Amino acid sequence: MPKPATLDRDVLDCITRDLHAARSFDALLDTEGSYRPTIDVRNSAGLMLANAYDAAQEARGDQRRAFRRT
């Protein structure tokens, strides 16, 4: 499985639309306030999305991390 930082943005956008109401991965990252997404990590796509979200937020200096539904 690719590391989150190496996942193509188009792939992340597709996974985001499949698993979440957000229209893109960037939209998932750029939410107001303290919102953090709940992502079902019982499948590989959800796990990749949660890992990518956490890595992107860390790189941005944002404290929020995905809530992982197991």
N, C-alpha and C. Protein backbone atom coordinates (compact mmCIF):
# COMPACT_ATOMS: atom_id res chain seq x y z
N MET A 1 0.85 -1.17 0.00
CA MET A 1 0.00 0.00 0.00
C MET A 1 0.90 1.23 0.00
N PRO A 2 0.61 2.23 -0.86
CA PRO A 2 1.43 3.44 -0.91
C PRO A 2 1.33 4.23 0.39
N LYS A 3 2.39 4.95 0.69
CA LYS A 3 2.36 5.84 1.85
C LYS A 3 1.40 6.99 1.53
N PRO A 4 0.70 7.53 2.53
CA PRO A 4 -0.28 8.59 2.28
C PRO A 4 0.29 9.77 1.51
N ALA A 5 1.51 10.15 1.79
CA ALA A 5 2.09 11.31 1.12
C ALA A 5 2.29 11.07 -0.37
N THR A 6 2.34 9.80 -0.79
CA THR A 6 2.60 9.50 -2.20
C THR A 6 1.31 9.20 -2.97
N LEU A 7 0.17 9.18 -2.29
CA LEU A 7 -1.07 8.92 -3.00
C LEU A 7 -1.41 10.10 -3.90
N ASP A 8 -1.82 9.80 -5.11
CA ASP A 8 -2.22 10.81 -6.07
C ASP A 8 -3.45 11.55 -5.58
N ARG A 9 -3.50 12.85 -5.76
CA ARG A 9 -4.64 13.65 -5.28
C ARG A 9 -5.93 13.22 -5.96
N ASP A 10 -5.88 12.81 -7.22
CA ASP A 10 -7.09 12.34 -7.90
C ASP A 10 -7.63 11.08 -7.23
N VAL A 11 -6.73 10.20 -6.80
CA VAL A 11 -7.15 8.98 -6.10
C VAL A 11 -7.80 9.35 -4.77
N LEU A 12 -7.17 10.29 -4.04
CA LEU A 12 -7.75 10.72 -2.77
C LEU A 12 -9.10 11.38 -2.97
N ASP A 13 -9.24 12.17 -4.03
CA ASP A 13 -10.54 12.79 -4.32
C ASP A 13 -11.60 11.73 -4.57
N CYS A 14 -11.27 10.72 -5.33
CA CYS A 14 -12.21 9.64 -5.64
C CYS A 14 -12.61 8.88 -4.38
N ILE A 15 -11.64 8.51 -3.56
CA ILE A 15 -11.93 7.80 -2.31
C ILE A 15 -12.78 8.68 -1.40
N THR A 16 -12.44 9.97 -1.33
CA THR A 16 -13.21 10.90 -0.49
C THR A 16 -14.67 10.94 -0.93
N ARG A 17 -14.91 11.07 -2.22
CA ARG A 17 -16.30 11.11 -2.72
C ARG A 17 -17.03 9.80 -2.48
N ASP A 18 -16.31 8.68 -2.56
CA ASP A 18 -16.94 7.37 -2.33
C ASP A 18 -17.31 7.15 -0.87
N LEU A 19 -16.50 7.68 0.04
CA LEU A 19 -16.67 7.35 1.46
C LEU A 19 -17.18 8.49 2.33
N HIS A 20 -17.26 9.68 1.79
CA HIS A 20 -17.61 10.84 2.61
C HIS A 20 -18.46 11.80 1.78
N ALA A 21 -19.13 12.71 2.44
CA ALA A 21 -19.97 13.70 1.74
C ALA A 21 -19.14 14.82 1.11
N ALA A 22 -17.88 14.96 1.51
CA ALA A 22 -17.03 16.01 0.94
C ALA A 22 -16.82 15.77 -0.55
N ARG A 23 -16.70 16.85 -1.31
CA ARG A 23 -16.56 16.74 -2.77
C ARG A 23 -15.13 16.48 -3.22
N SER A 24 -14.16 16.73 -2.32
CA SER A 24 -12.75 16.50 -2.65
C SER A 24 -11.97 16.31 -1.37
N PHE A 25 -10.74 15.83 -1.51
CA PHE A 25 -9.87 15.67 -0.35
C PHE A 25 -9.56 17.03 0.27
N ASP A 26 -9.33 18.03 -0.58
CA ASP A 26 -9.07 19.38 -0.06
C ASP A 26 -10.26 19.91 0.74
N ALA A 27 -11.47 19.64 0.28
CA ALA A 27 -12.66 20.08 1.00
C ALA A 27 -12.76 19.38 2.36
N LEU A 28 -12.31 18.14 2.42
CA LEU A 28 -12.30 17.41 3.68
C LEU A 28 -11.33 18.05 4.67
N LEU A 29 -10.21 18.54 4.16
CA LEU A 29 -9.19 19.17 5.00
C LEU A 29 -9.60 20.57 5.44
N ASP A 30 -10.27 21.30 4.58
CA ASP A 30 -10.55 22.71 4.81
C ASP A 30 -11.93 22.94 5.42
N THR A 31 -12.21 22.30 6.54
CA THR A 31 -13.49 22.47 7.20
C THR A 31 -13.35 23.51 8.31
N GLU A 32 -14.48 24.06 8.71
CA GLU A 32 -14.50 25.10 9.74
C GLU A 32 -14.37 24.51 11.14
N GLY A 33 -13.82 25.29 12.02
CA GLY A 33 -13.80 24.96 13.44
C GLY A 33 -13.05 23.69 13.78
N SER A 34 -13.63 22.93 14.68
CA SER A 34 -12.95 21.73 15.19
C SER A 34 -13.44 20.45 14.52
N TYR A 35 -14.19 20.58 13.42
CA TYR A 35 -14.72 19.38 12.75
C TYR A 35 -13.58 18.46 12.34
N ARG A 36 -13.80 17.18 12.58
CA ARG A 36 -12.91 16.14 12.06
C ARG A 36 -13.78 15.02 11.53
N PRO A 37 -13.43 14.46 10.38
CA PRO A 37 -14.31 13.47 9.77
C PRO A 37 -14.26 12.12 10.48
N THR A 38 -15.37 11.43 10.44
CA THR A 38 -15.43 10.04 10.87
C THR A 38 -15.23 9.20 9.62
N ILE A 39 -14.24 8.34 9.65
CA ILE A 39 -13.91 7.50 8.49
C ILE A 39 -13.89 6.05 8.93
N ASP A 40 -14.64 5.23 8.22
CA ASP A 40 -14.70 3.79 8.49
C ASP A 40 -13.41 3.17 7.97
N VAL A 41 -12.61 2.63 8.88
CA VAL A 41 -11.31 2.07 8.49
C VAL A 41 -11.32 0.54 8.45
N ARG A 42 -12.51 -0.02 8.31
CA ARG A 42 -12.60 -1.48 8.22
C ARG A 42 -12.26 -1.99 6.82
N ASN A 43 -12.00 -1.08 5.89
CA ASN A 43 -11.56 -1.49 4.56
C ASN A 43 -10.33 -0.68 4.17
N SER A 44 -9.61 -1.13 3.18
CA SER A 44 -8.33 -0.50 2.83
C SER A 44 -8.50 0.93 2.31
N ALA A 45 -9.58 1.21 1.60
CA ALA A 45 -9.79 2.57 1.08
C ALA A 45 -10.01 3.55 2.23
N GLY A 46 -10.81 3.15 3.21
CA GLY A 46 -11.04 4.01 4.36
C GLY A 46 -9.78 4.23 5.17
N LEU A 47 -9.00 3.18 5.33
CA LEU A 47 -7.73 3.30 6.05
C LEU A 47 -6.78 4.23 5.32
N MET A 48 -6.70 4.11 4.00
CA MET A 48 -5.85 5.02 3.22
C MET A 48 -6.30 6.46 3.36
N LEU A 49 -7.62 6.69 3.33
CA LEU A 49 -8.14 8.04 3.45
C LEU A 49 -7.84 8.61 4.83
N ALA A 50 -8.07 7.84 5.87
CA ALA A 50 -7.80 8.31 7.24
C ALA A 50 -6.30 8.62 7.42
N ASN A 51 -5.46 7.74 6.92
CA ASN A 51 -4.01 7.97 7.03
C ASN A 51 -3.59 9.21 6.26
N ALA A 52 -4.13 9.38 5.07
CA ALA A 52 -3.79 10.55 4.26
C ALA A 52 -4.29 11.84 4.92
N TYR A 53 -5.49 11.80 5.47
CA TYR A 53 -6.05 12.96 6.17
C TYR A 53 -5.15 13.33 7.35
N ASP A 54 -4.81 12.35 8.17
CA ASP A 54 -3.96 12.62 9.33
C ASP A 54 -2.61 13.18 8.93
N ALA A 55 -2.00 12.60 7.90
CA ALA A 55 -0.69 13.07 7.44
C ALA A 55 -0.77 14.49 6.88
N ALA A 56 -1.82 14.78 6.13
CA ALA A 56 -1.97 16.12 5.55
C ALA A 56 -2.21 17.15 6.64
N GLN A 57 -3.03 16.81 7.63
CA GLN A 57 -3.28 17.76 8.71
C GLN A 57 -2.01 17.98 9.54
N GLU A 58 -1.25 16.93 9.76
CA GLU A 58 0.01 17.08 10.49
C GLU A 58 0.96 17.99 9.73
N ALA A 59 1.06 17.79 8.41
CA ALA A 59 1.94 18.61 7.58
C ALA A 59 1.52 20.08 7.58
N ARG A 60 0.23 20.33 7.73
CA ARG A 60 -0.30 21.70 7.78
C ARG A 60 -0.18 22.32 9.17
N GLY A 61 0.23 21.52 10.14
CA GLY A 61 0.31 22.01 11.51
C GLY A 61 -1.04 22.03 12.21
N ASP A 62 -2.01 21.31 11.67
CA ASP A 62 -3.36 21.25 12.22
C ASP A 62 -3.42 20.08 13.20
N GLN A 63 -3.99 20.29 14.36
CA GLN A 63 -4.08 19.27 15.41
C GLN A 63 -5.14 18.20 15.12
N ARG A 64 -6.09 18.46 14.21
CA ARG A 64 -7.19 17.53 13.98
C ARG A 64 -6.72 16.26 13.30
N ARG A 65 -7.31 15.14 13.72
CA ARG A 65 -7.07 13.85 13.11
C ARG A 65 -8.42 13.19 12.86
N ALA A 66 -8.47 12.27 11.93
CA ALA A 66 -9.72 11.57 11.62
C ALA A 66 -10.17 10.73 12.80
N PHE A 67 -11.49 10.70 13.02
CA PHE A 67 -12.07 9.77 13.96
C PHE A 67 -12.23 8.47 13.19
N ARG A 68 -11.62 7.40 13.68
CA ARG A 68 -11.60 6.12 12.96
C ARG A 68 -12.66 5.17 13.49
N ARG A 69 -13.62 4.87 12.63
CA ARG A 69 -14.68 3.92 12.97
C ARG A 69 -14.18 2.52 12.65
N THR A 70 -14.21 1.64 13.67
CA THR A 70 -13.74 0.27 13.46
C THR A 70 -14.86 -0.73 13.66
